Protein backbone atom coordinates (compact mmCIF):
# COMPACT_ATOMS: atom_id res chain seq x y z
CA MET A 1 136.56 90.08 64.97
CA GLY A 2 132.83 90.85 65.36
CA ALA A 3 131.26 93.20 67.85
CA ALA A 4 130.61 90.40 70.35
CA GLY A 5 134.20 89.16 70.05
CA SER A 6 135.51 92.66 70.64
CA ALA A 7 133.35 93.00 73.73
CA LEU A 8 134.62 89.68 75.11
CA ALA A 9 138.23 90.59 74.43
CA GLY A 10 137.61 93.77 76.37
CA LEU A 11 136.88 91.66 79.46
CA GLY A 12 140.46 90.34 79.35
CA LEU A 13 139.71 86.59 79.56
CA PRO A 14 140.83 83.84 77.16
CA ALA A 15 137.91 82.59 75.13
CA GLN A 16 138.05 78.99 76.49
CA THR A 17 137.96 80.10 80.18
CA ARG A 18 135.15 82.62 79.89
CA PRO A 19 131.92 81.54 81.64
CA SER A 20 128.96 81.17 79.30
CA TRP A 21 127.12 84.03 81.02
CA LEU A 22 129.96 86.37 80.00
CA GLY A 23 129.32 85.57 76.37
CA VAL A 24 125.65 86.34 76.79
CA ALA A 25 126.43 89.54 78.69
CA ALA A 26 128.98 90.62 76.10
CA LEU A 27 126.55 89.95 73.29
CA SER A 28 123.93 92.02 75.08
CA LEU A 29 126.40 94.86 75.62
CA ALA A 30 127.46 94.75 71.98
CA ALA A 31 123.85 94.78 70.84
CA VAL A 32 123.10 97.78 73.03
CA ALA A 33 126.23 99.59 71.78
CA LEU A 34 125.45 98.87 68.14
CA GLY A 35 121.82 99.81 68.68
CA THR A 36 122.85 103.14 70.22
CA VAL A 37 125.15 103.95 67.30
CA ALA A 38 122.47 102.97 64.78
CA TRP A 39 119.86 105.06 66.63
CA ARG A 40 122.15 108.08 66.69
CA HIS A 41 122.59 107.86 62.92
CA ALA A 42 119.06 106.89 62.01
CA ARG A 43 116.92 108.81 64.48
CA PRO A 44 114.73 111.38 62.79
CA ARG A 45 114.92 115.01 63.73
CA ARG A 46 112.75 115.92 66.69
CA ARG A 47 109.12 115.82 65.71
CA ARG A 48 107.73 119.25 64.98
CA ARG A 49 104.14 120.25 64.59
CA LEU A 50 103.27 121.86 61.27
CA GLN A 51 101.08 124.95 61.32
CA GLN A 52 100.01 126.35 57.96
CA VAL A 53 100.63 130.08 57.84
CA GLY A 54 100.01 130.82 54.17
CA THR A 55 100.38 129.73 50.56
CA VAL A 56 103.06 130.43 47.94
CA ALA A 57 101.66 133.09 45.61
CA GLN A 58 104.76 133.86 43.55
CA ILE A 59 108.29 132.53 42.95
CA SER A 60 110.94 134.76 41.38
CA ILE A 61 114.50 134.12 40.27
CA TYR A 62 116.77 137.13 39.68
CA PRO A 63 119.54 135.76 37.43
CA ILE A 64 121.54 139.01 37.12
CA LYS A 65 121.83 140.99 40.33
CA SER A 66 119.68 144.16 40.15
CA CYS A 67 118.06 143.23 36.83
CA LYS A 68 114.43 142.14 36.45
CA GLY A 69 113.29 138.87 37.93
CA VAL A 70 111.92 135.84 36.13
CA GLN A 71 108.70 134.44 37.56
CA VAL A 72 108.50 130.64 37.59
CA ASN A 73 105.78 128.22 38.65
CA GLU A 74 108.17 125.86 40.40
CA ALA A 75 111.82 125.76 41.37
CA GLU A 76 114.47 123.65 42.98
CA CYS A 77 115.69 125.15 46.22
CA THR A 78 119.42 124.56 46.67
CA THR A 79 121.59 125.68 49.58
CA MET A 80 122.64 128.63 47.40
CA GLY A 81 119.18 129.68 46.33
CA LEU A 82 116.48 129.00 43.76
CA ARG A 83 117.15 127.19 40.53
CA CYS A 84 115.02 126.36 37.49
CA GLY A 85 117.06 124.34 35.00
CA ASN A 86 120.24 126.36 34.50
CA LEU A 87 118.53 129.55 35.58
CA ARG A 88 120.02 130.39 38.97
CA ASP A 89 119.21 133.19 41.40
CA ARG A 90 121.81 135.98 41.41
CA PHE A 91 124.51 133.88 39.75
CA TRP A 92 125.42 136.74 37.39
CA LEU A 93 126.81 140.13 38.37
CA VAL A 94 127.72 143.38 36.63
CA ILE A 95 131.12 144.66 37.75
CA LYS A 96 133.43 147.55 37.08
CA GLU A 97 136.75 146.86 35.39
CA ASP A 98 138.35 146.69 38.85
CA GLY A 99 135.94 143.96 40.00
CA HIS A 100 133.69 146.02 42.27
CA MET A 101 130.00 145.12 42.01
CA ILE A 102 127.50 147.41 40.34
CA THR A 103 123.86 147.33 41.43
CA ALA A 104 120.81 149.53 40.95
CA ARG A 105 122.04 151.58 43.90
CA GLN A 106 124.71 153.02 41.57
CA GLU A 107 123.01 152.33 38.20
CA PRO A 108 119.22 152.43 38.72
CA ARG A 109 118.50 151.61 35.05
CA LEU A 110 119.72 148.07 35.63
CA VAL A 111 116.19 147.29 36.89
CA LEU A 112 114.90 147.79 33.32
CA VAL A 113 117.00 144.94 31.93
CA SER A 114 114.59 142.06 31.41
CA ILE A 115 115.63 138.44 31.10
CA THR A 116 114.01 135.42 29.51
CA TYR A 117 115.42 131.92 29.47
CA GLU A 118 115.39 129.99 26.19
CA ASN A 119 117.49 127.12 24.80
CA ASN A 120 119.99 127.28 27.64
CA SER A 121 120.56 130.99 27.08
CA LEU A 122 119.61 134.23 28.79
CA ILE A 123 117.89 136.66 26.42
CA LEU A 124 118.64 140.20 27.61
CA LYS A 125 116.47 143.16 26.61
CA ALA A 126 116.61 146.82 27.64
CA PRO A 127 115.19 150.14 26.38
CA ASP A 128 116.77 151.28 23.09
CA MET A 129 118.99 148.19 22.97
CA GLU A 130 119.07 145.23 20.60
CA GLN A 131 118.37 142.01 22.48
CA LEU A 132 121.40 139.93 23.36
CA VAL A 133 121.63 136.14 23.62
CA LEU A 134 123.96 135.00 26.39
CA PRO A 135 124.74 131.26 26.66
CA VAL A 136 124.35 130.01 30.23
CA LYS A 137 127.54 127.95 30.00
CA GLN A 138 130.68 130.05 29.54
CA PRO A 139 133.92 128.60 28.14
CA SER A 140 136.41 127.61 30.85
CA SER A 141 139.00 129.57 28.86
CA ASN A 142 137.21 132.82 29.81
CA PRO A 143 139.20 134.65 32.50
CA LEU A 144 138.26 134.62 36.16
CA HIS A 145 137.79 137.95 37.93
CA ASP A 146 138.39 138.80 41.56
CA CYS A 147 135.14 140.53 42.49
CA ARG A 148 134.20 142.59 45.50
CA LEU A 149 130.73 142.50 47.08
CA PHE A 150 130.04 144.53 50.21
CA GLY A 151 133.69 144.34 51.19
CA LEU A 152 134.08 140.59 50.61
CA ASP A 153 136.00 138.81 47.85
CA ILE A 154 134.41 136.32 45.46
CA LYS A 155 135.29 134.98 42.02
CA GLY A 156 133.37 135.36 38.78
CA ARG A 157 133.81 133.89 35.29
CA ASP A 158 133.92 136.60 32.60
CA CYS A 159 130.96 136.33 30.21
CA GLY A 160 132.76 137.78 27.19
CA ASP A 161 133.25 141.06 25.37
CA GLU A 162 129.88 141.16 23.60
CA VAL A 163 127.76 141.30 26.76
CA ALA A 164 130.33 143.58 28.44
CA GLN A 165 129.93 146.04 25.57
CA TRP A 166 126.14 145.66 25.74
CA PHE A 167 126.00 146.76 29.38
CA THR A 168 128.58 149.49 28.76
CA ASN A 169 126.55 150.90 25.84
CA TYR A 170 123.31 150.68 27.80
CA LEU A 171 124.48 152.36 31.01
CA LYS A 172 126.71 154.91 29.24
CA THR A 173 128.78 155.81 32.30
CA GLU A 174 131.92 153.64 32.26
CA SER A 175 133.16 150.23 31.14
CA TYR A 176 131.43 147.25 32.67
CA ARG A 177 131.83 143.46 32.57
CA LEU A 178 129.39 140.67 33.36
CA VAL A 179 130.59 137.72 35.43
CA GLN A 180 129.01 134.39 36.31
CA PHE A 181 129.32 132.39 39.52
CA GLU A 182 130.07 128.69 39.04
CA THR A 183 129.13 126.00 41.53
CA SER A 184 132.77 124.92 41.81
CA MET A 185 133.63 128.39 43.14
CA LYS A 186 133.66 129.28 46.82
CA GLY A 187 130.75 131.46 47.87
CA ARG A 188 130.84 134.24 50.44
CA ALA A 189 130.63 132.78 53.95
CA SER A 190 127.62 133.89 55.99
CA LYS A 191 129.78 134.31 59.08
CA LYS A 192 131.76 137.02 57.30
CA ILE A 193 128.56 138.87 56.45
CA PHE A 194 126.90 138.48 59.86
CA PRO A 195 129.07 136.71 62.47
CA PHE A 196 126.09 135.62 64.59
CA VAL A 197 124.15 133.66 61.91
CA GLN A 198 124.20 129.98 60.93
CA ASN A 199 126.80 128.69 58.46
CA TYR A 200 125.99 128.82 54.75
CA GLN A 201 127.41 130.29 51.53
CA VAL A 202 125.95 132.72 49.03
CA ALA A 203 127.01 133.75 45.55
CA TYR A 204 125.95 137.31 44.65
CA PRO A 205 122.80 137.87 46.80
CA ASP A 206 123.19 140.52 49.49
CA CYS A 207 123.34 138.10 52.41
CA SER A 208 121.20 134.95 52.14
CA PRO A 209 119.88 132.48 49.56
CA ILE A 210 116.14 133.16 50.07
CA LEU A 211 114.07 136.28 50.76
CA ILE A 212 110.40 135.90 51.71
CA LEU A 213 107.74 138.63 51.90
CA SER A 214 103.97 138.47 52.32
CA GLU A 215 101.33 140.16 50.19
CA ALA A 216 99.69 141.44 53.37
CA SER A 217 102.83 143.31 54.43
CA LEU A 218 102.94 145.09 51.07
CA GLU A 219 99.24 145.91 51.32
CA ASP A 220 99.82 147.38 54.78
CA LEU A 221 102.65 149.55 53.46
CA ASN A 222 100.52 150.76 50.54
CA THR A 223 97.81 152.02 52.91
CA ARG A 224 100.43 154.45 54.23
CA LEU A 225 101.81 155.63 50.87
CA GLU A 226 100.55 158.37 48.59
CA LYS A 227 101.82 156.46 45.56
CA LYS A 228 101.39 152.71 45.86
CA VAL A 229 104.35 150.45 45.12
CA LYS A 230 104.57 146.97 43.61
CA MET A 231 106.20 143.85 44.98
CA GLU A 232 109.02 144.32 42.43
CA TYR A 233 110.40 147.20 44.51
CA PHE A 234 111.45 144.64 47.13
CA ARG A 235 112.65 141.71 44.97
CA PRO A 236 111.58 138.73 47.13
CA ASN A 237 112.16 135.17 45.96
CA ILE A 238 108.95 133.86 47.50
CA VAL A 239 105.74 135.81 48.04
CA VAL A 240 103.28 134.37 50.54
CA THR A 241 99.54 135.00 50.58
CA GLY A 242 96.89 134.15 53.17
CA CYS A 243 98.57 135.57 56.27
CA ASP A 244 98.40 138.79 58.26
CA ALA A 245 100.72 141.74 57.66
CA PHE A 246 104.20 141.14 59.08
CA GLU A 247 103.23 137.70 60.34
CA GLU A 248 106.42 136.50 58.62
CA ASP A 249 108.42 138.31 61.33
CA CYS A 250 107.77 135.34 63.64
CA TRP A 251 108.34 132.47 61.20
CA ASP A 252 111.54 130.85 62.43
CA GLU A 253 111.54 127.49 60.63
CA LEU A 254 109.46 126.85 57.50
CA LEU A 255 108.50 123.86 55.37
CA ILE A 256 107.48 124.65 51.78
CA GLY A 257 107.08 121.70 49.42
CA ASP A 258 109.85 119.44 50.69
CA VAL A 259 112.18 122.35 51.45
CA GLU A 260 113.10 123.29 55.01
CA MET A 261 114.28 126.82 55.73
CA LYS A 262 115.53 128.62 58.80
CA LYS A 263 115.27 132.33 59.49
CA VAL A 264 118.57 134.20 59.28
CA LEU A 265 117.40 137.72 60.09
CA SER A 266 114.96 140.39 58.95
CA CYS A 267 115.80 142.17 55.71
CA PRO A 268 117.20 145.65 56.41
CA ARG A 269 116.05 147.91 53.58
CA CYS A 270 118.18 150.48 51.78
CA ILE A 271 118.04 153.13 49.04
CA MET A 272 117.51 150.37 46.44
CA THR A 273 113.83 150.19 47.45
CA THR A 274 113.37 153.70 46.04
CA VAL A 275 114.23 152.63 42.47
CA ASP A 276 111.05 152.46 40.39
CA PRO A 277 111.12 149.06 38.60
CA ASP A 278 109.08 150.49 35.70
CA THR A 279 111.09 153.66 35.03
CA GLY A 280 114.56 152.98 36.44
CA ILE A 281 114.41 156.32 38.28
CA ILE A 282 115.71 156.47 41.85
CA ASP A 283 113.55 158.57 44.19
CA ARG A 284 115.81 158.28 47.29
CA LYS A 285 112.79 158.83 49.54
CA GLU A 286 109.79 156.55 49.13
CA PRO A 287 108.86 153.94 50.14
CA LEU A 288 111.95 153.92 52.38
CA GLU A 289 110.97 156.96 54.46
CA THR A 290 107.52 155.57 55.20
CA LEU A 291 109.00 152.21 56.19
CA LYS A 292 111.34 154.03 58.57
CA SER A 293 108.32 155.62 60.24
CA TYR A 294 106.99 152.31 61.54
CA ARG A 295 109.30 149.38 60.72
CA LEU A 296 112.48 150.12 62.68
CA CYS A 297 114.02 147.37 64.78
CA ASP A 298 113.70 146.88 68.50
CA PRO A 299 116.31 149.05 70.31
CA SER A 300 118.03 145.85 71.49
CA GLU A 301 118.81 144.98 67.84
CA LYS A 302 120.16 148.38 66.83
CA LYS A 303 123.71 147.00 66.56
CA ILE A 304 122.51 144.70 63.78
CA TYR A 305 120.06 146.84 61.82
CA LYS A 306 121.06 150.40 62.76
CA SER A 307 118.52 152.79 61.21
CA SER A 308 117.38 150.49 58.38
CA PRO A 309 113.68 149.60 58.34
CA LEU A 310 112.80 145.88 58.21
CA PHE A 311 110.68 144.45 55.42
CA GLY A 312 110.80 140.74 54.56
CA ILE A 313 112.78 137.87 56.04
CA TYR A 314 116.02 136.22 54.93
CA TYR A 315 116.25 132.42 55.14
CA SER A 316 118.93 129.78 54.83
CA VAL A 317 118.10 126.42 53.23
CA GLU A 318 118.36 123.60 55.76
CA LYS A 319 116.97 120.84 53.53
CA ILE A 320 117.06 121.13 49.76
CA GLY A 321 114.10 120.14 47.62
CA ASN A 322 111.41 121.52 45.33
CA LEU A 323 108.62 124.01 45.79
CA LYS A 324 105.91 125.47 43.58
CA VAL A 325 103.26 128.17 43.40
CA GLY A 326 100.24 127.02 45.40
CA ASP A 327 102.26 125.06 47.96
CA PRO A 328 101.15 125.53 51.56
CA VAL A 329 103.68 127.34 53.75
CA TYR A 330 104.09 125.61 57.10
CA LYS A 331 105.65 127.04 60.21
CA MET A 332 107.45 124.26 62.10
CA VAL A 333 106.55 124.48 65.77
CA GLN A 334 108.42 122.68 68.57
C-alpha cells in the first residue's frame, strides 16, 4: 500500500464509501508527511559564514609516538587523524614488555628517531644506529599486546623482534617493543579521556586526532625566551600562518580544504615541551616555565587544566576530507 493508501486507511473508511475530497486531503497529508521526512534527511546543515583566519603553512604526521614527524604537502584527514598513503599519525607506539607506553617524557632520545616513508615501509634512523626498514603492514600472525596509555587500555599489533631489538639497543635502558594500531581495533574513547568533550576515538595520540598551532603564537613565545625554540618542540599536526598570536584560542569550528573540525579543548603542555628535538636532552624547565608565566587557564577552567599552560588547540574531525599546504583556514561563524 502506498503512502496515500496508508493515509486513507488511517481515516477508517472503506475505499468505496470515502468522499472524493478525502482522497485529495489524504494525498495532501501524505505529500506533506513524505516531504517532511525527505527534508529532515536532505536538509543541509545550518548555513555558516566562512571567515578566513589564516593559511596552512605546514602539515606533519608523527607515525611513531614521540619520534620525529614527517612533513607532507597534503594529507587525508580521517576521524582518527592525518593520513598520507599508509603513513598514519601516531599509529605506532613504543611500549615496555608489560604494555605500558614509552614516550619522550621517559626516554627523551626518542625525538631523535627520524622516519621516512618509502615503498610501503617506514625507514627508521637514529644516532649511532644502522637504519631499519619496517614494513607498514604487519603479519596477522604477530601477537596482539594489551597496551596502556594514560591509564586507558588499547590494543597494538607487535611489529616483530628486529625492530624491538633496534629500539632496545638504541635506548639502552630496558627491553622495548613496537606496536601498531590497526583500523579494525577499537580506539580510546574521548569520553574516557575528558568526559565533557564530543564523542570520537583516538589511537595513540594524547587526546585528540588533530593539534593546531599558529606561527604567530610561537613567535610571541620566542620574544619571551632567552633561547628560542622551534615548532618541533610542540609537535602540531597543522601549523597556521597569517593570524595573530593565540588567535587560534577562539577558533571553534574550522574548514580547511574540505575538512571540518571542531575544537575539543586547548592543549595543556607538559614536561615533553622541554625535550630539545635536535639533541634529545630534556631541560625540565624551558619553554614550559615561560609558558606558565602567561598562558595559564582562566580560574574557572582550573579543574580541567590544573597548572598546565595552554599552547595550541586540539580538534576532532567532524567531516573527513583532504587538506594541503597553502589551503585557506576558515573559521565557521554562525
